[in-house]
């Protein structure tokens, strides 16, 4: 069943040209070096501290650990974070 669903998703991606994360409704993280993080397709910030951030993401929350964090931009689709990223945890 999962393979059949995967094939349908791949066909939609091929036909529409839309990014996979949009079709599958998943959060996309872009880390540049260890000091700039862009999070796309999020569901909001659950917790913000200077040394950790918890993001309500799809399919599950994400915890970012580091220091000197600041949110440079946030809107309904994108969060842009600056600061030193030490780890990104998808399993907490």
N, C-alpha and C. Protein backbone atom coordinates (compact mmCIF):
# COMPACT_ATOMS: atom_id res chain seq x y z
N UNK A 1 0.82 -1.20 0.00
CA UNK A 1 0.00 0.00 0.00
C UNK A 1 0.87 1.26 0.00
N UNK A 2 1.93 1.28 0.83
CA UNK A 2 2.79 2.46 0.89
C UNK A 2 3.48 2.70 -0.45
N UNK A 3 3.89 1.62 -1.12
CA UNK A 3 4.56 1.76 -2.41
C UNK A 3 3.60 2.36 -3.44
N UNK A 4 2.34 1.95 -3.39
CA UNK A 4 1.33 2.48 -4.31
C UNK A 4 1.13 3.98 -4.07
N UNK A 5 1.07 4.38 -2.80
CA UNK A 5 0.92 5.80 -2.46
C UNK A 5 2.14 6.59 -2.92
N UNK A 6 3.32 6.04 -2.71
CA UNK A 6 4.57 6.68 -3.13
C UNK A 6 4.56 6.92 -4.64
N UNK A 7 4.12 5.91 -5.40
CA UNK A 7 4.06 6.05 -6.85
C UNK A 7 3.11 7.16 -7.27
N UNK A 8 1.96 7.27 -6.60
CA UNK A 8 1.00 8.33 -6.91
C UNK A 8 1.60 9.70 -6.62
N UNK A 9 2.29 9.82 -5.48
CA UNK A 9 2.94 11.09 -5.12
C UNK A 9 3.99 11.46 -6.16
N UNK A 10 4.79 10.50 -6.56
CA UNK A 10 5.83 10.76 -7.56
C UNK A 10 5.23 11.20 -8.89
N UNK A 11 4.08 10.63 -9.27
CA UNK A 11 3.42 11.03 -10.51
C UNK A 11 2.93 12.48 -10.42
N UNK A 12 2.37 12.85 -9.26
CA UNK A 12 1.91 14.23 -9.06
C UNK A 12 3.08 15.19 -9.14
N UNK A 13 4.19 14.83 -8.51
CA UNK A 13 5.40 15.67 -8.55
C UNK A 13 5.87 15.85 -9.99
N UNK A 14 5.91 14.75 -10.74
CA UNK A 14 6.35 14.81 -12.14
C UNK A 14 5.43 15.69 -12.99
N UNK A 15 4.12 15.56 -12.79
CA UNK A 15 3.16 16.30 -13.62
C UNK A 15 3.11 17.79 -13.27
N UNK A 16 3.18 18.11 -11.98
CA UNK A 16 3.02 19.50 -11.56
C UNK A 16 4.33 20.27 -11.49
N UNK A 17 5.43 19.56 -11.26
CA UNK A 17 6.71 20.23 -11.09
C UNK A 17 6.87 20.87 -9.72
N UNK A 18 5.89 20.64 -8.83
CA UNK A 18 5.97 21.20 -7.48
C UNK A 18 7.00 20.44 -6.65
N UNK A 19 7.63 21.13 -5.69
CA UNK A 19 8.60 20.45 -4.82
C UNK A 19 7.95 19.34 -3.99
N UNK A 20 8.71 18.30 -3.75
CA UNK A 20 8.24 17.14 -3.00
C UNK A 20 7.68 17.52 -1.63
N UNK A 21 8.36 18.44 -0.91
CA UNK A 21 7.92 18.81 0.44
C UNK A 21 6.55 19.49 0.43
N UNK A 22 6.21 20.15 -0.66
CA UNK A 22 4.89 20.78 -0.77
C UNK A 22 3.82 19.72 -0.99
N UNK A 23 4.06 18.81 -1.91
CA UNK A 23 3.10 17.75 -2.21
C UNK A 23 2.88 16.87 -0.97
N UNK A 24 3.96 16.54 -0.26
CA UNK A 24 3.85 15.67 0.91
C UNK A 24 3.55 16.44 2.20
N UNK A 25 3.45 17.77 2.09
CA UNK A 25 3.14 18.62 3.24
C UNK A 25 4.14 18.44 4.38
N UNK A 26 5.43 18.48 4.05
CA UNK A 26 6.49 18.31 5.04
C UNK A 26 7.27 19.61 5.21
N UNK A 27 7.86 19.75 6.37
CA UNK A 27 8.69 20.91 6.66
C UNK A 27 10.06 20.74 6.00
N UNK A 28 10.60 21.84 5.47
CA UNK A 28 11.91 21.83 4.83
C UNK A 28 12.86 22.70 5.63
N UNK A 29 14.03 22.17 5.98
CA UNK A 29 15.06 22.91 6.69
C UNK A 29 16.24 23.14 5.76
N UNK A 30 16.75 24.38 5.76
CA UNK A 30 17.94 24.72 4.99
C UNK A 30 18.95 25.31 5.97
N UNK A 31 20.04 24.59 6.22
CA UNK A 31 21.08 25.04 7.13
C UNK A 31 22.28 25.50 6.30
N UNK A 32 22.67 26.76 6.51
CA UNK A 32 23.83 27.32 5.82
C UNK A 32 24.94 27.46 6.86
N UNK A 33 26.00 26.67 6.67
CA UNK A 33 27.06 26.62 7.69
C UNK A 33 26.46 26.12 8.98
N UNK A 34 26.83 26.75 10.09
CA UNK A 34 26.21 26.40 11.37
C UNK A 34 25.55 27.60 12.03
N UNK A 35 25.29 28.64 11.20
CA UNK A 35 24.77 29.87 11.82
C UNK A 35 23.55 30.50 11.15
N UNK A 36 23.01 29.88 10.11
CA UNK A 36 21.79 30.37 9.47
C UNK A 36 20.88 29.19 9.16
N UNK A 37 19.65 29.26 9.63
CA UNK A 37 18.70 28.18 9.41
C UNK A 37 17.39 28.76 8.89
N UNK A 38 16.93 28.23 7.78
CA UNK A 38 15.63 28.59 7.23
C UNK A 38 14.71 27.39 7.35
N UNK A 39 13.52 27.61 7.87
CA UNK A 39 12.54 26.55 8.04
C UNK A 39 11.30 26.94 7.23
N UNK A 40 10.96 26.11 6.26
CA UNK A 40 9.81 26.37 5.40
C UNK A 40 8.70 25.38 5.70
N UNK A 41 7.46 25.82 5.50
CA UNK A 41 6.27 24.98 5.68
C UNK A 41 6.14 24.49 7.13
N UNK A 42 6.28 25.40 8.06
CA UNK A 42 6.19 25.09 9.49
C UNK A 42 4.77 25.36 10.01
N UNK A 43 4.54 24.98 11.26
CA UNK A 43 3.24 25.23 11.90
C UNK A 43 3.38 26.15 13.11
N UNK A 44 4.53 26.82 13.25
CA UNK A 44 4.72 27.78 14.32
C UNK A 44 5.83 27.41 15.29
N UNK A 45 6.18 28.38 16.13
CA UNK A 45 7.20 28.20 17.15
C UNK A 45 6.51 27.77 18.44
N UNK A 46 6.95 26.65 18.99
CA UNK A 46 6.39 26.14 20.23
C UNK A 46 7.12 26.71 21.45
N UNK A 47 8.44 26.90 21.30
CA UNK A 47 9.26 27.39 22.40
C UNK A 47 10.47 28.09 21.81
N UNK A 48 10.81 29.25 22.39
CA UNK A 48 12.00 29.97 21.94
C UNK A 48 12.81 30.41 23.14
N UNK A 49 14.07 30.01 23.15
CA UNK A 49 15.05 30.47 24.13
C UNK A 49 16.33 30.76 23.37
N UNK A 50 17.24 31.47 23.99
CA UNK A 50 18.48 31.83 23.31
C UNK A 50 19.31 30.61 22.91
N UNK A 51 19.14 29.49 23.64
CA UNK A 51 19.94 28.30 23.33
C UNK A 51 19.14 27.11 22.80
N UNK A 52 17.83 27.25 22.63
CA UNK A 52 17.03 26.18 22.03
C UNK A 52 15.72 26.73 21.45
N UNK A 53 15.30 26.09 20.39
CA UNK A 53 14.05 26.46 19.73
C UNK A 53 13.30 25.18 19.40
N UNK A 54 12.00 25.17 19.67
CA UNK A 54 11.16 24.04 19.29
C UNK A 54 10.15 24.53 18.26
N UNK A 55 10.12 23.83 17.14
CA UNK A 55 9.27 24.21 16.02
C UNK A 55 8.20 23.15 15.82
N UNK A 56 6.97 23.58 15.69
CA UNK A 56 5.89 22.67 15.35
C UNK A 56 5.99 22.43 13.85
N UNK A 57 6.47 21.26 13.49
CA UNK A 57 6.77 20.95 12.10
C UNK A 57 5.92 19.78 11.62
N UNK A 58 6.05 19.49 10.35
CA UNK A 58 5.31 18.40 9.75
C UNK A 58 6.31 17.35 9.28
N UNK A 59 6.27 16.13 9.68
CA UNK A 59 5.20 15.45 10.38
C UNK A 59 5.30 15.48 11.91
N UNK A 60 6.44 15.93 12.47
CA UNK A 60 6.56 15.98 13.93
C UNK A 60 7.44 17.15 14.33
N UNK A 61 7.38 17.56 15.60
CA UNK A 61 8.17 18.73 16.06
C UNK A 61 9.68 18.53 15.89
N UNK A 62 10.37 19.67 15.82
CA UNK A 62 11.83 19.69 15.67
C UNK A 62 12.39 20.55 16.79
N UNK A 63 13.48 20.09 17.41
CA UNK A 63 14.18 20.88 18.43
C UNK A 63 15.56 21.25 17.90
N UNK A 64 15.88 22.53 17.96
CA UNK A 64 17.16 23.04 17.51
C UNK A 64 17.92 23.52 18.74
N UNK A 65 19.14 23.04 18.92
CA UNK A 65 19.95 23.39 20.08
C UNK A 65 21.21 24.11 19.59
N UNK A 66 21.61 25.13 20.33
CA UNK A 66 22.80 25.90 20.00
C UNK A 66 22.91 27.08 20.95
N UNK A 67 23.28 28.24 20.43
CA UNK A 67 23.33 29.43 21.27
C UNK A 67 23.22 30.70 20.42
N UNK A 68 22.90 31.78 21.09
CA UNK A 68 22.77 33.11 20.47
C UNK A 68 21.71 33.15 19.37
N UNK A 69 20.62 32.42 19.55
CA UNK A 69 19.57 32.39 18.54
C UNK A 69 18.78 33.68 18.50
N UNK A 70 18.43 34.09 17.30
CA UNK A 70 17.47 35.18 17.10
C UNK A 70 16.63 34.83 15.88
N UNK A 71 15.36 35.18 15.94
CA UNK A 71 14.48 34.98 14.80
C UNK A 71 14.51 36.27 13.99
N UNK A 72 15.07 36.18 12.80
CA UNK A 72 15.21 37.34 11.93
C UNK A 72 13.94 37.62 11.14
N UNK A 73 13.21 36.55 10.81
CA UNK A 73 11.97 36.69 10.05
C UNK A 73 11.07 35.52 10.40
N UNK A 74 9.77 35.80 10.53
CA UNK A 74 8.80 34.73 10.71
C UNK A 74 7.49 35.15 10.06
N UNK A 75 6.92 34.23 9.30
CA UNK A 75 5.59 34.44 8.76
C UNK A 75 4.90 33.08 8.68
N UNK A 76 3.78 33.00 8.00
CA UNK A 76 3.01 31.76 7.95
C UNK A 76 3.74 30.61 7.27
N UNK A 77 4.75 30.91 6.46
CA UNK A 77 5.43 29.88 5.69
C UNK A 77 6.89 29.67 6.06
N UNK A 78 7.58 30.75 6.50
CA UNK A 78 9.03 30.68 6.68
C UNK A 78 9.46 31.25 8.03
N UNK A 79 10.46 30.60 8.63
CA UNK A 79 11.16 31.14 9.80
C UNK A 79 12.64 31.20 9.43
N UNK A 80 13.25 32.37 9.64
CA UNK A 80 14.68 32.53 9.38
C UNK A 80 15.36 32.79 10.71
N UNK A 81 16.28 31.89 11.10
CA UNK A 81 16.95 31.94 12.40
C UNK A 81 18.44 32.16 12.20
N UNK A 82 19.01 33.03 13.03
CA UNK A 82 20.46 33.20 13.08
C UNK A 82 20.93 32.78 14.46
N UNK A 83 22.15 32.29 14.53
CA UNK A 83 22.76 31.81 15.77
C UNK A 83 23.54 30.54 15.48
N UNK A 84 24.28 30.07 16.45
CA UNK A 84 25.11 28.87 16.25
C UNK A 84 24.29 27.61 16.52
N UNK A 85 24.11 26.80 15.48
CA UNK A 85 23.36 25.55 15.59
C UNK A 85 24.32 24.41 15.95
N UNK A 86 24.02 23.73 17.06
CA UNK A 86 24.83 22.57 17.46
C UNK A 86 24.16 21.28 17.05
N UNK A 87 22.81 21.22 17.15
CA UNK A 87 22.11 19.99 16.77
C UNK A 87 20.67 20.29 16.36
N UNK A 88 20.13 19.40 15.56
CA UNK A 88 18.73 19.44 15.16
C UNK A 88 18.16 18.07 15.49
N UNK A 89 17.14 18.03 16.34
CA UNK A 89 16.60 16.76 16.83
C UNK A 89 15.18 16.57 16.31
N UNK A 90 14.99 15.49 15.57
CA UNK A 90 13.68 15.17 15.02
C UNK A 90 12.95 14.13 15.87
N UNK A 91 13.58 13.63 16.89
CA UNK A 91 13.04 12.47 17.60
C UNK A 91 12.59 12.74 19.03
N UNK A 92 12.56 13.98 19.45
CA UNK A 92 12.25 14.21 20.86
C UNK A 92 10.76 14.11 21.12
